[in-house]
Amino acid sequence: MIVIPKISELISTLPRPKFVAIDIPIGLPLKGARACDMEARKLLGKPRSSSVFPAPVRATLPARTYREACALSVLTHGKSMSKQAFEIIDKIREVDDVMTPELQRWVFEVHPEVSFYALNGRRPLTHSKHDRQGVEERIKLLVPDYPRIQDHLAELERAKVEEDDLLDAAAAAWTAQCVAEGAVPRQYDCKGLRMEIVH
């Protein structure tokens, strides 16, 4: 198991990966919500839909505090920014800084709960990934494609990776394996980046 902390390191890795699936928003709206976020929430239904929070509007990227981000969001499109989105704004900014339409041919956005939805026969999962039943539910879905998933879980303490993060990464990898098999609706931001959650 390899942990690569920066998207810039990942995209410069040689040999280059065929596909990279990341759980960070790619493509940010100038105002309003992305269609892919709304569709993902609809697919998952309650209570799993709460795991898909709206991507921030582009104007919030310079913000260094949650208060500043909320003020920029309200000024831009009349709505505040979710706390969850702000907690990963450094990662969103990092991805946005390097992402191009060309790079997006092989680097794309996923959402692990939407990937698990697809793995589960297009049905939302019953339990949260933060409880034991939810972990077992996700492992059971992953084992056919990743028979060593339990071995990797045993390595987590050494790798300093949380159990649910590894399961999310495995679901993203499964989506990367499947990405060439289907088409998804296209919505673009002002940089020409696709705003989509592939599953």
Protein backbone atom coordinates (compact mmCIF):
# COMPACT_ATOMS: atom_id res chain seq x y z
CA MET A 1 0.00 0.00 0.00
CA ILE A 2 1.35 3.42 -0.99
CA VAL A 3 0.05 6.71 0.38
CA ILE A 4 0.69 9.73 -1.89
CA PRO A 5 -0.31 12.92 -0.04
CA LYS A 6 -0.29 15.44 -2.92
CA ILE A 7 -2.20 15.36 -6.21
CA SER A 8 0.82 16.98 -7.91
CA GLU A 9 2.98 14.00 -6.86
CA LEU A 10 0.36 11.53 -7.99
CA ILE A 11 -0.04 12.96 -11.48
CA SER A 12 3.73 13.05 -12.01
CA THR A 13 4.23 9.43 -10.92
CA LEU A 14 5.97 7.22 -13.49
CA PRO A 15 4.84 5.00 -14.98
CA ARG A 16 1.70 7.11 -15.21
CA PRO A 17 -1.46 5.46 -13.86
CA LYS A 18 -4.04 4.64 -16.53
CA PHE A 19 -6.81 6.23 -14.44
CA VAL A 20 -6.90 8.12 -11.15
CA ALA A 21 -10.11 8.44 -9.15
CA ILE A 22 -10.18 11.06 -6.38
CA ASP A 23 -12.77 11.94 -3.78
CA ILE A 24 -12.32 15.71 -4.17
CA PRO A 25 -14.58 18.01 -6.23
CA ILE A 26 -13.26 18.70 -9.74
CA GLY A 27 -14.91 21.59 -11.53
CA LEU A 28 -16.50 24.30 -9.41
CA PRO A 29 -19.60 26.34 -10.20
CA LEU A 30 -19.59 30.11 -10.30
CA LYS A 31 -22.93 29.97 -8.47
CA GLY A 32 -25.54 27.39 -7.61
CA ALA A 33 -25.14 23.66 -7.12
CA ARG A 34 -23.48 21.16 -9.44
CA ALA A 35 -25.93 18.81 -11.13
CA CYS A 36 -23.73 15.82 -10.21
CA ASP A 37 -23.96 16.58 -6.49
CA MET A 38 -27.75 16.87 -6.64
CA GLU A 39 -28.03 13.65 -8.65
CA ALA A 40 -25.72 11.79 -6.24
CA ARG A 41 -27.84 12.87 -3.27
CA LYS A 42 -30.97 11.73 -5.07
CA LEU A 43 -29.44 8.33 -5.88
CA LEU A 44 -28.35 7.68 -2.30
CA GLY A 45 -31.51 8.88 -0.57
CA LYS A 46 -31.70 9.43 3.17
CA PRO A 47 -29.68 8.98 5.30
CA ARG A 48 -26.71 8.27 2.96
CA SER A 49 -27.37 11.46 0.93
CA SER A 50 -25.90 13.53 3.77
CA SER A 51 -22.45 12.21 2.82
CA VAL A 52 -22.61 14.23 -0.44
CA PHE A 53 -22.16 17.87 0.47
CA PRO A 54 -22.32 20.62 -2.16
CA ALA A 55 -19.05 21.59 -3.82
CA PRO A 56 -18.10 25.17 -2.97
CA VAL A 57 -18.48 27.96 -5.50
CA ARG A 58 -15.23 29.06 -7.13
CA ALA A 59 -15.21 32.44 -5.36
CA THR A 60 -14.55 30.73 -1.99
CA LEU A 61 -11.17 29.26 -2.97
CA PRO A 62 -9.07 32.20 -1.66
CA ALA A 63 -10.75 32.02 1.78
CA ARG A 64 -8.52 31.12 4.72
CA THR A 65 -11.24 30.95 7.40
CA TYR A 66 -14.70 29.40 7.45
CA ARG A 67 -16.24 32.79 8.16
CA GLU A 68 -14.52 34.32 5.14
CA ALA A 69 -15.58 31.39 2.92
CA CYS A 70 -19.22 31.72 4.03
CA ALA A 71 -19.17 35.49 3.36
CA LEU A 72 -17.75 34.95 -0.16
CA SER A 73 -20.30 32.21 -0.83
CA VAL A 74 -23.23 34.35 0.32
CA LEU A 75 -21.97 37.32 -1.71
CA THR A 76 -21.59 35.16 -4.83
CA HIS A 77 -24.78 33.14 -4.83
CA GLY A 78 -26.76 33.90 -1.71
CA LYS A 79 -25.96 30.72 0.21
CA SER A 80 -23.44 29.87 2.89
CA MET A 81 -20.80 27.15 2.54
CA SER A 82 -21.01 23.80 4.29
CA LYS A 83 -18.55 23.15 7.10
CA GLN A 84 -17.62 19.82 5.45
CA ALA A 85 -16.65 21.55 2.21
CA PHE A 86 -14.54 24.10 4.07
CA GLU A 87 -12.71 21.34 5.96
CA ILE A 88 -11.29 20.10 2.64
CA ILE A 89 -10.93 23.48 0.90
CA ASP A 90 -7.12 23.20 0.93
CA LYS A 91 -7.40 19.91 -1.00
CA ILE A 92 -10.04 21.38 -3.33
CA ARG A 93 -7.73 24.34 -4.01
CA GLU A 94 -4.76 21.99 -4.58
CA VAL A 95 -6.72 19.89 -7.11
CA ASP A 96 -8.14 22.97 -8.84
CA ASP A 97 -4.66 24.49 -9.18
CA VAL A 98 -3.34 21.55 -11.22
CA MET A 99 -6.46 20.29 -12.99
CA THR A 100 -6.89 20.85 -16.72
CA PRO A 101 -9.34 19.39 -19.26
CA GLU A 102 -6.44 17.33 -20.67
CA LEU A 103 -5.51 15.93 -17.27
CA GLN A 104 -9.15 15.14 -16.64
CA ARG A 105 -9.03 12.55 -19.42
CA TRP A 106 -7.49 10.18 -16.87
CA VAL A 107 -8.07 11.89 -13.49
CA PHE A 108 -11.70 12.05 -12.43
CA GLU A 109 -13.90 12.65 -9.41
CA VAL A 110 -15.69 9.90 -7.54
CA HIS A 111 -17.71 9.79 -4.36
CA PRO A 112 -17.16 6.56 -2.38
CA GLU A 113 -20.79 6.27 -1.25
CA VAL A 114 -21.93 6.53 -4.88
CA SER A 115 -19.35 3.87 -5.82
CA PHE A 116 -20.66 1.63 -3.04
CA TYR A 117 -24.18 2.31 -4.32
CA ALA A 118 -23.07 0.95 -7.72
CA LEU A 119 -21.25 -2.00 -6.12
CA ASN A 120 -24.41 -2.82 -4.17
CA GLY A 121 -26.54 -3.34 -7.28
CA ARG A 122 -27.47 0.36 -7.52
CA ARG A 123 -28.90 0.37 -4.00
CA PRO A 124 -27.81 2.64 -1.13
CA LEU A 125 -26.05 0.96 1.76
CA THR A 126 -27.89 0.44 5.02
CA HIS A 127 -25.26 1.49 7.55
CA SER A 128 -22.84 4.38 8.03
CA LYS A 129 -19.19 3.72 7.20
CA HIS A 130 -18.37 4.91 10.73
CA ASP A 131 -20.01 1.97 12.52
CA ARG A 132 -18.92 -1.67 12.58
CA GLN A 133 -21.93 -2.90 10.60
CA GLY A 134 -21.18 -0.34 7.90
CA VAL A 135 -17.53 -1.40 7.71
CA GLU A 136 -18.53 -5.07 7.38
CA GLU A 137 -21.16 -4.18 4.76
CA ARG A 138 -18.51 -2.40 2.65
CA ILE A 139 -15.86 -5.11 3.08
CA LYS A 140 -18.36 -7.73 1.87
CA LEU A 141 -18.97 -5.70 -1.31
CA LEU A 142 -15.24 -5.19 -1.95
CA VAL A 143 -13.95 -8.74 -1.31
CA PRO A 144 -14.92 -10.16 -4.74
CA ASP A 145 -12.75 -7.52 -6.48
CA TYR A 146 -10.17 -7.05 -3.72
CA PRO A 147 -9.69 -10.37 -1.93
CA ARG A 148 -6.79 -8.88 0.07
CA ILE A 149 -8.80 -5.96 1.45
CA GLN A 150 -8.71 -7.46 4.96
CA ASP A 151 -4.89 -7.80 4.75
CA HIS A 152 -4.69 -4.12 3.83
CA LEU A 153 -6.95 -3.21 6.74
CA ALA A 154 -4.47 -4.97 9.02
CA GLU A 155 -1.68 -2.70 7.67
CA LEU A 156 -3.53 0.51 8.52
CA GLU A 157 -1.82 1.32 11.80
CA ARG A 158 1.57 1.31 10.07
CA ALA A 159 0.29 3.41 7.16
CA LYS A 160 -1.52 5.93 9.40
CA VAL A 161 -4.69 5.56 7.32
CA GLU A 162 -8.17 5.30 8.84
CA GLU A 163 -10.17 2.15 8.11
CA ASP A 164 -13.01 4.01 6.38
CA ASP A 165 -10.49 5.92 4.23
CA LEU A 166 -9.04 2.65 2.91
CA LEU A 167 -12.52 1.32 2.14
CA ASP A 168 -13.34 4.58 0.34
CA ALA A 169 -10.08 4.32 -1.65
CA ALA A 170 -10.91 0.73 -2.64
CA ALA A 171 -14.36 1.82 -3.83
CA ALA A 172 -12.74 4.62 -5.86
CA ALA A 173 -10.27 2.12 -7.37
CA TRP A 174 -13.18 -0.14 -8.33
CA THR A 175 -14.80 2.82 -10.11
CA ALA A 176 -11.52 3.55 -11.91
CA GLN A 177 -11.52 -0.02 -13.20
CA CYS A 178 -15.06 0.43 -14.52
CA VAL A 179 -14.75 3.97 -15.90
CA ALA A 180 -14.31 3.00 -19.54
CA GLU A 181 -17.57 1.05 -19.61
CA GLY A 182 -20.16 3.84 -19.50
CA ALA A 183 -20.99 7.46 -20.36
CA VAL A 184 -22.01 10.13 -17.87
CA PRO A 185 -23.79 13.48 -18.37
CA ARG A 186 -21.40 16.38 -18.91
CA GLN A 187 -21.47 19.72 -17.07
CA TYR A 188 -18.46 22.05 -17.34
CA ASP A 189 -17.12 24.84 -15.14
CA CYS A 190 -15.59 28.13 -16.36
CA LYS A 191 -12.15 26.48 -16.67
CA GLY A 192 -13.55 23.81 -19.00
CA LEU A 193 -13.39 21.13 -16.28
CA ARG A 194 -16.11 18.50 -16.16
CA MET A 195 -18.22 18.58 -13.00
CA GLU A 196 -19.21 14.94 -12.54
CA ILE A 197 -19.11 12.12 -10.05
CA VAL A 198 -18.24 8.93 -11.89
CA HIS A 199 -19.62 5.60 -10.60
